[in-house]
Amino acid sequence: MPKIKSNRGAVKRFRVTGSGKIKRNKGFKGHLLSGKTKKRKRGLRQAGLVSASEAKNIRKLIPYL
């Protein structure tokens, strides 16, 4: 069996933690930032985790990470 190609877009967006969970960055912080509160923008800087149901599909996209 040949190796599976990783989805390059997914590789750039997701990382696997030491415990095997999938980490992601939050969206909505690219532009139109003047209308968002400082607290909201600060929260968007923190990484989040992918839900268990979505993680199953993302693992197929990044098999070797």
PDB file of N, CA and C in Angstrom:
ATOM      1  N   MET A   1       0.839  -1.197   0.000  1.00  0.00           N
ATOM      2  CA  MET A   1       0.000   0.000   0.000  1.00  0.00           C
ATOM      3  C   MET A   1       0.875   1.249   0.000  1.00  0.00           C
ATOM      4  N   PRO A   2       0.564   2.193  -0.862  1.00  0.00           N
ATOM      5  CA  PRO A   2       1.313   3.444  -0.840  1.00  0.00           C
ATOM      6  C   PRO A   2       0.921   4.299   0.362  1.00  0.00           C
ATOM      7  N   LYS A   3       1.775   5.253   0.655  1.00  0.00           N
ATOM      8  CA  LYS A   3       1.462   6.184   1.741  1.00  0.00           C
ATOM      9  C   LYS A   3       0.295   7.071   1.337  1.00  0.00           C
ATOM     10  N   ILE A   4      -0.420   7.567   2.333  1.00  0.00           N
ATOM     11  CA  ILE A   4      -1.523   8.495   2.081  1.00  0.00           C
ATOM     12  C   ILE A   4      -0.948   9.904   2.054  1.00  0.00           C
ATOM     13  N   LYS A   5      -1.393  10.712   1.098  1.00  0.00           N
ATOM     14  CA  LYS A   5      -0.949  12.105   1.057  1.00  0.00           C
ATOM     15  C   LYS A   5      -1.709  12.893   2.118  1.00  0.00           C
ATOM     16  N   SER A   6      -0.984  13.729   2.839  1.00  0.00           N
ATOM     17  CA  SER A   6      -1.620  14.625   3.792  1.00  0.00           C
ATOM     18  C   SER A   6      -2.277  15.766   3.040  1.00  0.00           C
ATOM     19  N   ASN A   7      -3.408  16.233   3.528  1.00  0.00           N
ATOM     20  CA  ASN A   7      -4.056  17.401   2.955  1.00  0.00           C
ATOM     21  C   ASN A   7      -3.269  18.624   3.407  1.00  0.00           C
ATOM     22  N   ARG A   8      -2.645  19.338   2.461  1.00  0.00           N
ATOM     23  CA  ARG A   8      -1.716  20.407   2.815  1.00  0.00           C
ATOM     24  C   ARG A   8      -2.408  21.574   3.516  1.00  0.00           C
ATOM     25  N   GLY A   9      -3.644  21.844   3.167  1.00  0.00           N
ATOM     26  CA  GLY A   9      -4.390  22.908   3.837  1.00  0.00           C
ATOM     27  C   GLY A   9      -4.635  22.569   5.296  1.00  0.00           C
ATOM     28  N   ALA A  10      -4.954  21.305   5.560  1.00  0.00           N
ATOM     29  CA  ALA A  10      -5.219  20.861   6.930  1.00  0.00           C
ATOM     30  C   ALA A  10      -3.936  20.849   7.760  1.00  0.00           C
ATOM     31  N   VAL A  11      -2.818  20.486   7.143  1.00  0.00           N
ATOM     32  CA  VAL A  11      -1.538  20.452   7.850  1.00  0.00           C
ATOM     33  C   VAL A  11      -1.179  21.835   8.375  1.00  0.00           C
ATOM     34  N   LYS A  12      -1.505  22.873   7.576  1.00  0.00           N
ATOM     35  CA  LYS A  12      -1.182  24.240   7.975  1.00  0.00           C
ATOM     36  C   LYS A  12      -2.106  24.760   9.067  1.00  0.00           C
ATOM     37  N   ARG A  13      -3.294  24.176   9.189  1.00  0.00           N
ATOM     38  CA  ARG A  13      -4.293  24.703  10.117  1.00  0.00           C
ATOM     39  C   ARG A  13      -4.375  23.971  11.446  1.00  0.00           C
ATOM     40  N   PHE A  14      -3.967  22.708  11.482  1.00  0.00           N
ATOM     41  CA  PHE A  14      -4.147  21.894  12.686  1.00  0.00           C
ATOM     42  C   PHE A  14      -2.832  21.314  13.169  1.00  0.00           C
ATOM     43  N   ARG A  15      -2.734  21.145  14.506  1.00  0.00           N
ATOM     44  CA  ARG A  15      -1.586  20.487  15.117  1.00  0.00           C
ATOM     45  C   ARG A  15      -2.102  19.464  16.119  1.00  0.00           C
ATOM     46  N   VAL A  16      -1.360  18.398  16.301  1.00  0.00           N
ATOM     47  CA  VAL A  16      -1.751  17.371  17.262  1.00  0.00           C
ATOM     48  C   VAL A  16      -0.979  17.605  18.549  1.00  0.00           C
ATOM     49  N   THR A  17      -1.684  17.618  19.690  1.00  0.00           N
ATOM     50  CA  THR A  17      -1.041  17.828  20.983  1.00  0.00           C
ATOM     51  C   THR A  17      -0.407  16.524  21.461  1.00  0.00           C
ATOM     52  N   GLY A  18       0.324  16.598  22.550  1.00  0.00           N
ATOM     53  CA  GLY A  18       0.969  15.414  23.101  1.00  0.00           C
ATOM     54  C   GLY A  18      -0.021  14.346  23.522  1.00  0.00           C
ATOM     55  N   SER A  19      -1.204  14.768  23.964  1.00  0.00           N
ATOM     56  CA  SER A  19      -2.215  13.795  24.404  1.00  0.00           C
ATOM     57  C   SER A  19      -3.077  13.302  23.249  1.00  0.00           C
ATOM     58  N   GLY A  20      -2.799  13.796  22.024  1.00  0.00           N
ATOM     59  CA  GLY A  20      -3.507  13.303  20.850  1.00  0.00           C
ATOM     60  C   GLY A  20      -4.707  14.130  20.425  1.00  0.00           C
ATOM     61  N   LYS A  21      -4.979  15.216  21.134  1.00  0.00           N
ATOM     62  CA  LYS A  21      -6.091  16.085  20.728  1.00  0.00           C
ATOM     63  C   LYS A  21      -5.621  16.969  19.574  1.00  0.00           C
ATOM     64  N   ILE A  22      -6.572  17.529  18.843  1.00  0.00           N
ATOM     65  CA  ILE A  22      -6.221  18.371  17.701  1.00  0.00           C
ATOM     66  C   ILE A  22      -6.477  19.828  18.046  1.00  0.00           C
ATOM     67  N   LYS A  23      -5.426  20.631  17.878  1.00  0.00           N
ATOM     68  CA  LYS A  23      -5.453  22.049  18.209  1.00  0.00           C
ATOM     69  C   LYS A  23      -5.700  22.857  16.953  1.00  0.00           C
ATOM     70  N   ARG A  24      -6.413  23.970  17.100  1.00  0.00           N
ATOM     71  CA  ARG A  24      -6.700  24.831  15.960  1.00  0.00           C
ATOM     72  C   ARG A  24      -6.623  26.283  16.395  1.00  0.00           C
ATOM     73  N   ASN A  25      -6.441  27.176  15.431  1.00  0.00           N
ATOM     74  CA  ASN A  25      -6.508  28.601  15.714  1.00  0.00           C
ATOM     75  C   ASN A  25      -7.916  29.083  15.446  1.00  0.00           C
ATOM     76  N   LYS A  26      -8.306  30.141  16.124  1.00  0.00           N
ATOM     77  CA  LYS A  26      -9.654  30.677  15.959  1.00  0.00           C
ATOM     78  C   LYS A  26      -9.706  31.654  14.795  1.00  0.00           C
ATOM     79  N   GLY A  27     -10.859  31.758  14.181  1.00  0.00           N
ATOM     80  CA  GLY A  27     -11.069  32.654  13.051  1.00  0.00           C
ATOM     81  C   GLY A  27     -11.581  34.010  13.520  1.00  0.00           C
ATOM     82  N   PHE A  28     -12.068  34.804  12.583  1.00  0.00           N
ATOM     83  CA  PHE A  28     -12.675  36.113  12.835  1.00  0.00           C
ATOM     84  C   PHE A  28     -11.693  37.139  13.391  1.00  0.00           C
ATOM     85  N   LYS A  29     -10.401  37.010  13.060  1.00  0.00           N
ATOM     86  CA  LYS A  29      -9.470  38.018  13.530  1.00  0.00           C
ATOM     87  C   LYS A  29      -8.580  38.556  12.410  1.00  0.00           C
ATOM     88  N   GLY A  30      -9.074  38.468  11.178  1.00  0.00           N
ATOM     89  CA  GLY A  30      -8.291  38.928  10.039  1.00  0.00           C
ATOM     90  C   GLY A  30      -8.503  40.391   9.702  1.00  0.00           C
ATOM     91  N   HIS A  31      -9.756  40.839   9.798  1.00  0.00           N
ATOM     92  CA  HIS A  31     -10.057  42.232   9.452  1.00  0.00           C
ATOM     93  C   HIS A  31     -11.326  42.643  10.187  1.00  0.00           C
ATOM     94  N   LEU A  32     -11.736  43.904  10.017  1.00  0.00           N
ATOM     95  CA  LEU A  32     -12.894  44.468  10.729  1.00  0.00           C
ATOM     96  C   LEU A  32     -12.704  44.363  12.242  1.00  0.00           C
ATOM     97  N   LEU A  33     -11.501  44.644  12.704  1.00  0.00           N
ATOM     98  CA  LEU A  33     -11.187  44.446  14.118  1.00  0.00           C
ATOM     99  C   LEU A  33     -11.602  45.619  14.999  1.00  0.00           C
ATOM    100  N   SER A  34     -11.844  46.774  14.392  1.00  0.00           N
ATOM    101  CA  SER A  34     -12.178  47.943  15.216  1.00  0.00           C
ATOM    102  C   SER A  34     -13.535  47.793  15.898  1.00  0.00           C
ATOM    103  N   GLY A  35     -14.409  46.993  15.343  1.00  0.00           N
ATOM    104  CA  GLY A  35     -15.725  46.796  15.935  1.00  0.00           C
ATOM    105  C   GLY A  35     -15.759  45.731  17.004  1.00  0.00           C
ATOM    106  N   LYS A  36     -14.674  45.030  17.190  1.00  0.00           N
ATOM    107  CA  LYS A  36     -14.621  43.952  18.187  1.00  0.00           C
ATOM    108  C   LYS A  36     -13.955  44.470  19.454  1.00  0.00           C
ATOM    109  N   THR A  37     -14.412  43.980  20.593  1.00  0.00           N
ATOM    110  CA  THR A  37     -13.875  44.458  21.870  1.00  0.00           C
ATOM    111  C   THR A  37     -12.471  43.901  22.091  1.00  0.00           C
ATOM    112  N   LYS A  38     -11.728  44.570  22.971  1.00  0.00           N
ATOM    113  CA  LYS A  38     -10.382  44.091  23.312  1.00  0.00           C
ATOM    114  C   LYS A  38     -10.449  42.682  23.873  1.00  0.00           C
ATOM    115  N   LYS A  39     -11.432  42.447  24.713  1.00  0.00           N
ATOM    116  CA  LYS A  39     -11.582  41.132  25.346  1.00  0.00           C
ATOM    117  C   LYS A  39     -11.815  40.040  24.300  1.00  0.00           C
ATOM    118  N   ARG A  40     -12.650  40.367  23.334  1.00  0.00           N
ATOM    119  CA  ARG A  40     -12.953  39.388  22.281  1.00  0.00           C
ATOM    120  C   ARG A  40     -11.720  39.082  21.438  1.00  0.00           C
ATOM    121  N   LYS A  41     -10.970  40.139  21.065  1.00  0.00           N
ATOM    122  CA  LYS A  41      -9.769  39.943  20.247  1.00  0.00           C
ATOM    123  C   LYS A  41      -8.699  39.170  21.009  1.00  0.00           C
ATOM    124  N   ARG A  42      -8.602  39.429  22.299  1.00  0.00           N
ATOM    125  CA  ARG A  42      -7.643  38.709  23.144  1.00  0.00           C
ATOM    126  C   ARG A  42      -8.009  37.228  23.191  1.00  0.00           C
ATOM    127  N   GLY A  43      -9.279  36.936  23.280  1.00  0.00           N
ATOM    128  CA  GLY A  43      -9.732  35.549  23.308  1.00  0.00           C
ATOM    129  C   GLY A  43      -9.477  34.828  21.998  1.00  0.00           C
ATOM    130  N   LEU A  44      -9.541  35.556  20.896  1.00  0.00           N
ATOM    131  CA  LEU A  44      -9.310  34.947  19.587  1.00  0.00           C
ATOM    132  C   LEU A  44      -7.849  34.572  19.373  1.00  0.00           C
ATOM    133  N   ARG A  45      -6.943  35.158  20.169  1.00  0.00           N
ATOM    134  CA  ARG A  45      -5.519  34.802  20.052  1.00  0.00           C
ATOM    135  C   ARG A  45      -5.229  33.420  20.643  1.00  0.00           C
ATOM    136  N   GLN A  46      -6.078  32.992  21.562  1.00  0.00           N
ATOM    137  CA  GLN A  46      -5.854  31.698  22.219  1.00  0.00           C
ATOM    138  C   GLN A  46      -6.268  30.574  21.273  1.00  0.00           C
ATOM    139  N   ALA A  47      -5.494  29.518  21.237  1.00  0.00           N
ATOM    140  CA  ALA A  47      -5.834  28.369  20.400  1.00  0.00           C
ATOM    141  C   ALA A  47      -6.994  27.607  21.029  1.00  0.00           C
ATOM    142  N   GLY A  48      -7.749  26.929  20.198  1.00  0.00           N
ATOM    143  CA  GLY A  48      -8.859  26.116  20.687  1.00  0.00           C
ATOM    144  C   GLY A  48      -8.640  24.666  20.304  1.00  0.00           C
ATOM    145  N   LEU A  49      -9.514  23.803  20.786  1.00  0.00           N
ATOM    146  CA  LEU A  49      -9.453  22.390  20.426  1.00  0.00           C
ATOM    147  C   LEU A  49     -10.606  22.064  19.496  1.00  0.00           C
ATOM    148  N   VAL A  50     -10.394  21.077  18.657  1.00  0.00           N
ATOM    149  CA  VAL A  50     -11.421  20.631  17.722  1.00  0.00           C
ATOM    150  C   VAL A  50     -12.333  19.655  18.458  1.00  0.00           C
ATOM    151  N   SER A  51     -13.633  19.724  18.176  1.00  0.00           N
ATOM    152  CA  SER A  51     -14.574  18.820  18.833  1.00  0.00           C
ATOM    153  C   SER A  51     -14.304  17.377  18.392  1.00  0.00           C
ATOM    154  N   ALA A  52     -14.741  16.444  19.208  1.00  0.00           N
ATOM    155  CA  ALA A  52     -14.462  15.028  18.950  1.00  0.00           C
ATOM    156  C   ALA A  52     -15.044  14.568  17.618  1.00  0.00           C
ATOM    157  N   SER A  53     -16.227  15.065  17.270  1.00  0.00           N
ATOM    158  CA  SER A  53     -16.863  14.646  16.024  1.00  0.00           C
ATOM    159  C   SER A  53     -16.097  15.152  14.802  1.00  0.00           C
ATOM    160  N   GLU A  54     -15.542  16.355  14.884  1.00  0.00           N
ATOM    161  CA  GLU A  54     -14.765  16.891  13.765  1.00  0.00           C
ATOM    162  C   GLU A  54     -13.364  16.294  13.723  1.00  0.00           C
ATOM    163  N   ALA A  55     -12.825  15.961  14.886  1.00  0.00           N
ATOM    164  CA  ALA A  55     -11.463  15.420  14.964  1.00  0.00           C
ATOM    165  C   ALA A  55     -11.328  14.132  14.159  1.00  0.00           C
ATOM    166  N   LYS A  56     -12.394  13.349  14.135  1.00  0.00           N
ATOM    167  CA  LYS A  56     -12.367  12.082  13.410  1.00  0.00           C
ATOM    168  C   LYS A  56     -12.059  12.305  11.929  1.00  0.00           C
ATOM    169  N   ASN A  57     -12.713  13.309  11.333  1.00  0.00           N
ATOM    170  CA  ASN A  57     -12.477  13.597   9.911  1.00  0.00           C
ATOM    171  C   ASN A  57     -11.133  14.259   9.679  1.00  0.00           C
ATOM    172  N   ILE A  58     -10.704  15.110  10.605  1.00  0.00           N
ATOM    173  CA  ILE A  58      -9.431  15.809  10.439  1.00  0.00           C
ATOM    174  C   ILE A  58      -8.265  14.834  10.524  1.00  0.00           C
ATOM    175  N   ARG A  59      -8.390  13.810  11.340  1.00  0.00           N
ATOM    176  CA  ARG A  59      -7.322  12.800  11.445  1.00  0.00           C
ATOM    177  C   ARG A  59      -7.071  12.104  10.119  1.00  0.00           C
ATOM    178  N   LYS A  60      -8.114  11.945   9.317  1.00  0.00           N
ATOM    179  CA  LYS A  60      -7.952  11.333   7.990  1.00  0.00           C
ATOM    180  C   LYS A  60      -7.170  12.250   7.061  1.00  0.00           C
ATOM    181  N   LEU A  61      -7.291  13.569   7.288  1.00  0.00           N
ATOM    182  CA  LEU A  61      -6.597  14.534   6.430  1.00  0.00           C
ATOM    183  C   LEU A  61      -5.126  14.675   6.807  1.00  0.00           C
ATOM    184  N   ILE A  62      -4.796  14.440   8.083  1.00  0.00           N
ATOM    185  CA  ILE A  62      -3.402  14.575   8.538  1.00  0.00           C
ATOM    186  C   ILE A  62      -2.945  13.267   9.184  1.00  0.00           C
ATOM    187  N   PRO A  63      -2.797  12.208   8.389  1.00  0.00           N
ATOM    188  CA  PRO A  63      -2.537  10.877   8.953  1.00  0.00           C
ATOM    189  C   PRO A  63      -1.210  10.718   9.668  1.00  0.00           C
ATOM    190  N   TYR A  64      -0.181  11.502   9.305  1.00  0.00           N
ATOM    191  CA  TYR A  64       1.144  11.252   9.880  1.00  0.00           C
ATOM    192  C   TYR A  64       1.584  12.315  10.877  1.00  0.00           C
ATOM    193  N   LEU A  65       0.668  13.181  11.330  1.00  0.00           N
ATOM    194  CA  LEU A  65       1.036  14.198  12.318  1.00  0.00           C
ATOM    195  C   LEU A  65       0.670  13.745  13.710  1.00  0.00           C
TER     196      LEU A  65
END
